Every structure is written in structure tokens, then in C-alpha cells.
Amino acid sequence: MMHRHIITSKWTPMAIESLFDRGALQDWREFAAALKADEDLAEQVRKVCQYRAPDGAERIAEALLQAS
């Protein structure tokens, strides 16, 4: 996923927020694959979910966390 204002392809907290805000289906698929391969990413996702205002993306992320 090309992240707005971010020059990295890694799933940083800012990149996760970008996914939550404007991610397309393919971006979510890429994220799901990365989540299965990286335990540290799961912890980052949990932290992002805690401080964001609920908008539905957190539910998708939490479902992916449970599936991985």
C-alpha cells in the first residue's frame, strides 16, 4: 500500500492508520498476510486500535488478529 506522507513499505503505526482511513481491499489483503507473518505487527495493531476513535476499521483489524 502506498501510504500518504509515509516513505516506507513497512507496517508502522502511521501506515496502519493510513490503512484504516483509506485502505482498499487489496491493501487489507496485504496487511492480513503481513499480520500472519509478524507477531510484533499484531501488538502495533492493538495499540493503534486503542487510541483511535471507533469507525469500523478496528473491527476488521480485530477479526484479522483473531484469525492469525
PDB file of N, CA and C in Angstrom:
ATOM      1  N   MET A   1       0.848  -1.182   0.000  1.00  0.00           N
ATOM      2  CA  MET A   1       0.000   0.000   0.000  1.00  0.00           C
ATOM      3  C   MET A   1       0.886   1.234   0.000  1.00  0.00           C
ATOM      4  N   MET A   2       0.565   2.170  -0.826  1.00  0.00           N
ATOM      5  CA  MET A   2       1.246   3.456  -0.814  1.00  0.00           C
ATOM      6  C   MET A   2       0.606   4.296   0.284  1.00  0.00           C
ATOM      7  N   HIS A   3       1.396   4.678   1.249  1.00  0.00           N
ATOM      8  CA  HIS A   3       0.879   5.406   2.399  1.00  0.00           C
ATOM      9  C   HIS A   3       1.077   6.909   2.197  1.00  0.00           C
ATOM     10  N   ARG A   4       0.058   7.641   2.454  1.00  0.00           N
ATOM     11  CA  ARG A   4       0.114   9.096   2.330  1.00  0.00           C
ATOM     12  C   ARG A   4       1.128   9.664   3.316  1.00  0.00           C
ATOM     13  N   HIS A   5       2.082  10.450   2.820  1.00  0.00           N
ATOM     14  CA  HIS A   5       3.087  11.130   3.637  1.00  0.00           C
ATOM     15  C   HIS A   5       4.053  10.172   4.333  1.00  0.00           C
ATOM     16  N   ILE A   6       4.114   8.928   3.899  1.00  0.00           N
ATOM     17  CA  ILE A   6       4.999   7.952   4.531  1.00  0.00           C
ATOM     18  C   ILE A   6       5.874   7.351   3.446  1.00  0.00           C
ATOM     19  N   ILE A   7       7.172   7.354   3.697  1.00  0.00           N
ATOM     20  CA  ILE A   7       8.099   6.811   2.710  1.00  0.00           C
ATOM     21  C   ILE A   7       8.647   5.486   3.249  1.00  0.00           C
ATOM     22  N   THR A   8       7.804   4.482   3.291  1.00  0.00           N
ATOM     23  CA  THR A   8       8.204   3.148   3.720  1.00  0.00           C
ATOM     24  C   THR A   8       7.148   2.155   3.253  1.00  0.00           C
ATOM     25  N   SER A   9       7.569   0.920   3.111  1.00  0.00           N
ATOM     26  CA  SER A   9       6.596  -0.120   2.780  1.00  0.00           C
ATOM     27  C   SER A   9       6.305  -0.989   3.995  1.00  0.00           C
ATOM     28  N   LYS A  10       6.893  -0.631   5.138  1.00  0.00           N
ATOM     29  CA  LYS A  10       6.676  -1.383   6.373  1.00  0.00           C
ATOM     30  C   LYS A  10       5.383  -0.933   7.038  1.00  0.00           C
ATOM     31  N   TRP A  11       4.825  -1.824   7.847  1.00  0.00           N
ATOM     32  CA  TRP A  11       3.581  -1.529   8.547  1.00  0.00           C
ATOM     33  C   TRP A  11       3.881  -0.851   9.877  1.00  0.00           C
ATOM     34  N   THR A  12       4.157   0.425   9.814  1.00  0.00           N
ATOM     35  CA  THR A  12       4.365   1.239  11.012  1.00  0.00           C
ATOM     36  C   THR A  12       2.991   1.640  11.560  1.00  0.00           C
ATOM     37  N   PRO A  13       2.943   2.175  12.783  1.00  0.00           N
ATOM     38  CA  PRO A  13       1.646   2.647  13.288  1.00  0.00           C
ATOM     39  C   PRO A  13       0.985   3.672  12.361  1.00  0.00           C
ATOM     40  N   MET A  14       1.768   4.554  11.772  1.00  0.00           N
ATOM     41  CA  MET A  14       1.186   5.532  10.839  1.00  0.00           C
ATOM     42  C   MET A  14       0.640   4.844   9.595  1.00  0.00           C
ATOM     43  N   ALA A  15       1.334   3.816   9.133  1.00  0.00           N
ATOM     44  CA  ALA A  15       0.861   3.073   7.961  1.00  0.00           C
ATOM     45  C   ALA A  15      -0.431   2.317   8.288  1.00  0.00           C
ATOM     46  N   ILE A  16      -0.521   1.799   9.500  1.00  0.00           N
ATOM     47  CA  ILE A  16      -1.736   1.096   9.930  1.00  0.00           C
ATOM     48  C   ILE A  16      -2.902   2.084   9.967  1.00  0.00           C
ATOM     49  N   GLU A  17      -2.659   3.282  10.493  1.00  0.00           N
ATOM     50  CA  GLU A  17      -3.707   4.303  10.500  1.00  0.00           C
ATOM     51  C   GLU A  17      -4.132   4.664   9.083  1.00  0.00           C
ATOM     52  N   SER A  18      -3.170   4.756   8.192  1.00  0.00           N
ATOM     53  CA  SER A  18      -3.477   5.055   6.794  1.00  0.00           C
ATOM     54  C   SER A  18      -4.354   3.962   6.193  1.00  0.00           C
ATOM     55  N   LEU A  19      -4.037   2.717   6.498  1.00  0.00           N
ATOM     56  CA  LEU A  19      -4.863   1.593   6.040  1.00  0.00           C
ATOM     57  C   LEU A  19      -6.279   1.729   6.576  1.00  0.00           C
ATOM     58  N   PHE A  20      -6.407   2.010   7.862  1.00  0.00           N
ATOM     59  CA  PHE A  20      -7.723   2.152   8.487  1.00  0.00           C
ATOM     60  C   PHE A  20      -8.520   3.287   7.840  1.00  0.00           C
ATOM     61  N   ASP A  21      -7.844   4.363   7.492  1.00  0.00           N
ATOM     62  CA  ASP A  21      -8.526   5.535   6.941  1.00  0.00           C
ATOM     63  C   ASP A  21      -8.917   5.378   5.482  1.00  0.00           C
ATOM     64  N   ARG A  22      -8.062   4.744   4.676  1.00  0.00           N
ATOM     65  CA  ARG A  22      -8.325   4.752   3.241  1.00  0.00           C
ATOM     66  C   ARG A  22      -7.867   3.497   2.514  1.00  0.00           C
ATOM     67  N   GLY A  23      -7.701   2.396   3.222  1.00  0.00           N
ATOM     68  CA  GLY A  23      -7.232   1.165   2.596  1.00  0.00           C
ATOM     69  C   GLY A  23      -8.275   0.521   1.693  1.00  0.00           C
ATOM     70  N   ALA A  24      -7.805   0.030   0.561  1.00  0.00           N
ATOM     71  CA  ALA A  24      -8.659  -0.715  -0.374  1.00  0.00           C
ATOM     72  C   ALA A  24      -8.583  -2.210  -0.013  1.00  0.00           C
ATOM     73  N   LEU A  25      -9.411  -3.002  -0.638  1.00  0.00           N
ATOM     74  CA  LEU A  25      -9.445  -4.441  -0.340  1.00  0.00           C
ATOM     75  C   LEU A  25      -8.071  -5.073  -0.512  1.00  0.00           C
ATOM     76  N   GLN A  26      -7.357  -4.755  -1.570  1.00  0.00           N
ATOM     77  CA  GLN A  26      -6.030  -5.331  -1.793  1.00  0.00           C
ATOM     78  C   GLN A  26      -5.066  -4.931  -0.673  1.00  0.00           C
ATOM     79  N   ASP A  27      -5.187  -3.720  -0.166  1.00  0.00           N
ATOM     80  CA  ASP A  27      -4.351  -3.267   0.942  1.00  0.00           C
ATOM     81  C   ASP A  27      -4.632  -4.097   2.197  1.00  0.00           C
ATOM     82  N   TRP A  28      -5.908  -4.369   2.443  1.00  0.00           N
ATOM     83  CA  TRP A  28      -6.276  -5.185   3.604  1.00  0.00           C
ATOM     84  C   TRP A  28      -5.764  -6.617   3.437  1.00  0.00           C
ATOM     85  N   ARG A  29      -5.757  -7.129   2.228  1.00  0.00           N
ATOM     86  CA  ARG A  29      -5.217  -8.477   1.984  1.00  0.00           C
ATOM     87  C   ARG A  29      -3.716  -8.513   2.264  1.00  0.00           C
ATOM     88  N   GLU A  30      -3.012  -7.489   1.794  1.00  0.00           N
ATOM     89  CA  GLU A  30      -1.574  -7.384   2.049  1.00  0.00           C
ATOM     90  C   GLU A  30      -1.302  -7.307   3.551  1.00  0.00           C
ATOM     91  N   PHE A  31      -2.109  -6.517   4.230  1.00  0.00           N
ATOM     92  CA  PHE A  31      -1.982  -6.360   5.675  1.00  0.00           C
ATOM     93  C   PHE A  31      -2.242  -7.681   6.399  1.00  0.00           C
ATOM     94  N   ALA A  32      -3.267  -8.401   5.988  1.00  0.00           N
ATOM     95  CA  ALA A  32      -3.598  -9.686   6.615  1.00  0.00           C
ATOM     96  C   ALA A  32      -2.452 -10.671   6.468  1.00  0.00           C
ATOM     97  N   ALA A  33      -1.826 -10.709   5.308  1.00  0.00           N
ATOM     98  CA  ALA A  33      -0.685 -11.600   5.086  1.00  0.00           C
ATOM     99  C   ALA A  33       0.490 -11.193   5.969  1.00  0.00           C
ATOM    100  N   ALA A  34       0.742  -9.900   6.082  1.00  0.00           N
ATOM    101  CA  ALA A  34       1.833  -9.416   6.925  1.00  0.00           C
ATOM    102  C   ALA A  34       1.555  -9.716   8.390  1.00  0.00           C
ATOM    103  N   LEU A  35       0.314  -9.607   8.787  1.00  0.00           N
ATOM    104  CA  LEU A  35      -0.082  -9.855  10.170  1.00  0.00           C
ATOM    105  C   LEU A  35       0.179 -11.308  10.569  1.00  0.00           C
ATOM    106  N   LYS A  36      -0.073 -12.226   9.667  1.00  0.00           N
ATOM    107  CA  LYS A  36       0.166 -13.645   9.955  1.00  0.00           C
ATOM    108  C   LYS A  36       1.654 -13.951  10.116  1.00  0.00           C
ATOM    109  N   ALA A  37       2.498 -13.160   9.467  1.00  0.00           N
ATOM    110  CA  ALA A  37       3.930 -13.422   9.460  1.00  0.00           C
ATOM    111  C   ALA A  37       4.710 -12.647  10.522  1.00  0.00           C
ATOM    112  N   ASP A  38       4.062 -11.739  11.249  1.00  0.00           N
ATOM    113  CA  ASP A  38       4.801 -10.848  12.144  1.00  0.00           C
ATOM    114  C   ASP A  38       4.037 -10.630  13.451  1.00  0.00           C
ATOM    115  N   GLU A  39       4.513 -11.244  14.522  1.00  0.00           N
ATOM    116  CA  GLU A  39       3.848 -11.104  15.827  1.00  0.00           C
ATOM    117  C   GLU A  39       3.945  -9.682  16.370  1.00  0.00           C
ATOM    118  N   ASP A  40       5.040  -8.981  16.080  1.00  0.00           N
ATOM    119  CA  ASP A  40       5.186  -7.599  16.544  1.00  0.00           C
ATOM    120  C   ASP A  40       4.142  -6.690  15.904  1.00  0.00           C
ATOM    121  N   LEU A  41       3.785  -6.977  14.682  1.00  0.00           N
ATOM    122  CA  LEU A  41       2.775  -6.188  13.991  1.00  0.00           C
ATOM    123  C   LEU A  41       1.437  -6.289  14.720  1.00  0.00           C
ATOM    124  N   ALA A  42       1.119  -7.452  15.231  1.00  0.00           N
ATOM    125  CA  ALA A  42      -0.139  -7.628  15.970  1.00  0.00           C
ATOM    126  C   ALA A  42      -0.196  -6.688  17.169  1.00  0.00           C
ATOM    127  N   GLU A  43       0.906  -6.548  17.871  1.00  0.00           N
ATOM    128  CA  GLU A  43       0.939  -5.652  19.031  1.00  0.00           C
ATOM    129  C   GLU A  43       0.764  -4.199  18.594  1.00  0.00           C
ATOM    130  N   GLN A  44       1.374  -3.820  17.496  1.00  0.00           N
ATOM    131  CA  GLN A  44       1.204  -2.460  16.981  1.00  0.00           C
ATOM    132  C   GLN A  44      -0.258  -2.192  16.624  1.00  0.00           C
ATOM    133  N   VAL A  45      -0.897  -3.178  16.017  1.00  0.00           N
ATOM    134  CA  VAL A  45      -2.298  -3.030  15.627  1.00  0.00           C
ATOM    135  C   VAL A  45      -3.167  -2.834  16.865  1.00  0.00           C
ATOM    136  N   ARG A  46      -2.921  -3.603  17.900  1.00  0.00           N
ATOM    137  CA  ARG A  46      -3.699  -3.458  19.142  1.00  0.00           C
ATOM    138  C   ARG A  46      -3.563  -2.046  19.715  1.00  0.00           C
ATOM    139  N   LYS A  47      -2.342  -1.514  19.689  1.00  0.00           N
ATOM    140  CA  LYS A  47      -2.121  -0.163  20.209  1.00  0.00           C
ATOM    141  C   LYS A  47      -2.859   0.878  19.369  1.00  0.00           C
ATOM    142  N   VAL A  48      -2.783   0.754  18.064  1.00  0.00           N
ATOM    143  CA  VAL A  48      -3.479   1.702  17.190  1.00  0.00           C
ATOM    144  C   VAL A  48      -4.982   1.629  17.439  1.00  0.00           C
ATOM    145  N   CYS A  49      -5.508   0.435  17.594  1.00  0.00           N
ATOM    146  CA  CYS A  49      -6.946   0.270  17.835  1.00  0.00           C
ATOM    147  C   CYS A  49      -7.374   0.923  19.147  1.00  0.00           C
ATOM    148  N   GLN A  50      -6.487   0.945  20.135  1.00  0.00           N
ATOM    149  CA  GLN A  50      -6.836   1.511  21.442  1.00  0.00           C
ATOM    150  C   GLN A  50      -6.983   3.025  21.406  1.00  0.00           C
ATOM    151  N   TYR A  51      -6.172   3.710  20.615  1.00  0.00           N
ATOM    152  CA  TYR A  51      -6.226   5.165  20.673  1.00  0.00           C
ATOM    153  C   TYR A  51      -7.038   5.814  19.555  1.00  0.00           C
ATOM    154  N   ARG A  52      -7.524   5.046  18.619  1.00  0.00           N
ATOM    155  CA  ARG A  52      -8.342   5.613  17.533  1.00  0.00           C
ATOM    156  C   ARG A  52      -9.810   5.689  17.945  1.00  0.00           C
ATOM    157  N   ALA A  53     -10.482   6.672  17.420  1.00  0.00           N
ATOM    158  CA  ALA A  53     -11.936   6.730  17.600  1.00  0.00           C
ATOM    159  C   ALA A  53     -12.545   5.604  16.763  1.00  0.00           C
ATOM    160  N   PRO A  54     -13.467   4.853  17.310  1.00  0.00           N
ATOM    161  CA  PRO A  54     -14.055   3.727  16.574  1.00  0.00           C
ATOM    162  C   PRO A  54     -14.724   4.188  15.276  1.00  0.00           C
ATOM    163  N   ASP A  55     -14.389   3.503  14.188  1.00  0.00           N
ATOM    164  CA  ASP A  55     -15.009   3.815  12.905  1.00  0.00           C
ATOM    165  C   ASP A  55     -15.254   2.563  12.061  1.00  0.00           C
ATOM    166  N   GLY A  56     -15.059   1.407  12.631  1.00  0.00           N
ATOM    167  CA  GLY A  56     -15.304   0.158  11.912  1.00  0.00           C
ATOM    168  C   GLY A  56     -14.046  -0.555  11.474  1.00  0.00           C
ATOM    169  N   ALA A  57     -13.006   0.189  11.160  1.00  0.00           N
ATOM    170  CA  ALA A  57     -11.756  -0.434  10.722  1.00  0.00           C
ATOM    171  C   ALA A  57     -11.150  -1.278  11.843  1.00  0.00           C
ATOM    172  N   GLU A  58     -11.345  -0.838  13.072  1.00  0.00           N
ATOM    173  CA  GLU A  58     -10.814  -1.590  14.207  1.00  0.00           C
ATOM    174  C   GLU A  58     -11.438  -2.976  14.282  1.00  0.00           C
ATOM    175  N   ARG A  59     -12.696  -3.079  13.964  1.00  0.00           N
ATOM    176  CA  ARG A  59     -13.371  -4.389  13.997  1.00  0.00           C
ATOM    177  C   ARG A  59     -12.776  -5.324  12.958  1.00  0.00           C
ATOM    178  N   ILE A  60     -12.481  -4.793  11.784  1.00  0.00           N
ATOM    179  CA  ILE A  60     -11.842  -5.606  10.754  1.00  0.00           C
ATOM    180  C   ILE A  60     -10.470  -6.055  11.228  1.00  0.00           C
ATOM    181  N   ALA A  61      -9.701  -5.125  11.791  1.00  0.00           N
ATOM    182  CA  ALA A  61      -8.363  -5.458  12.277  1.00  0.00           C
ATOM    183  C   ALA A  61      -8.427  -6.503  13.387  1.00  0.00           C
ATOM    184  N   GLU A  62      -9.376  -6.349  14.293  1.00  0.00           N
ATOM    185  CA  GLU A  62      -9.510  -7.303  15.397  1.00  0.00           C
ATOM    186  C   GLU A  62      -9.898  -8.689  14.883  1.00  0.00           C
ATOM    187  N   ALA A  63     -10.732  -8.752  13.862  1.00  0.00           N
ATOM    188  CA  ALA A  63     -11.086 -10.040  13.258  1.00  0.00           C
ATOM    189  C   ALA A  63      -9.860 -10.677  12.620  1.00  0.00           C
ATOM    190  N   LEU A  64      -9.040  -9.873  11.981  1.00  0.00           N
ATOM    191  CA  LEU A  64      -7.810 -10.401  11.384  1.00  0.00           C
ATOM    192  C   LEU A  64      -6.835 -10.878  12.466  1.00  0.00           C
ATOM    193  N   LEU A  65      -6.780 -10.165  13.591  1.00  0.00           N
ATOM    194  CA  LEU A  65      -5.926 -10.586  14.695  1.00  0.00           C
ATOM    195  C   LEU A  65      -6.366 -11.951  15.224  1.00  0.00           C
ATOM    196  N   GLN A  66      -7.659 -12.149  15.344  1.00  0.00           N
ATOM    197  CA  GLN A  66      -8.162 -13.413  15.858  1.00  0.00           C
ATOM    198  C   GLN A  66      -7.921 -14.556  14.868  1.00  0.00           C
ATOM    199  N   ALA A  67      -7.946 -14.243  13.586  1.00  0.00           N
ATOM    200  CA  ALA A  67      -7.759 -15.255  12.550  1.00  0.00           C
ATOM    201  C   ALA A  67      -6.295 -15.640  12.370  1.00  0.00           C
ATOM    202  N   SER A  68      -5.385 -14.761  12.813  1.00  0.00           N
ATOM    203  CA  SER A  68      -3.964 -15.057  12.584  1.00  0.00           C
ATOM    204  C   SER A  68      -3.336 -15.765  13.748  1.00  0.00           C
TER     205      SER A  68
END
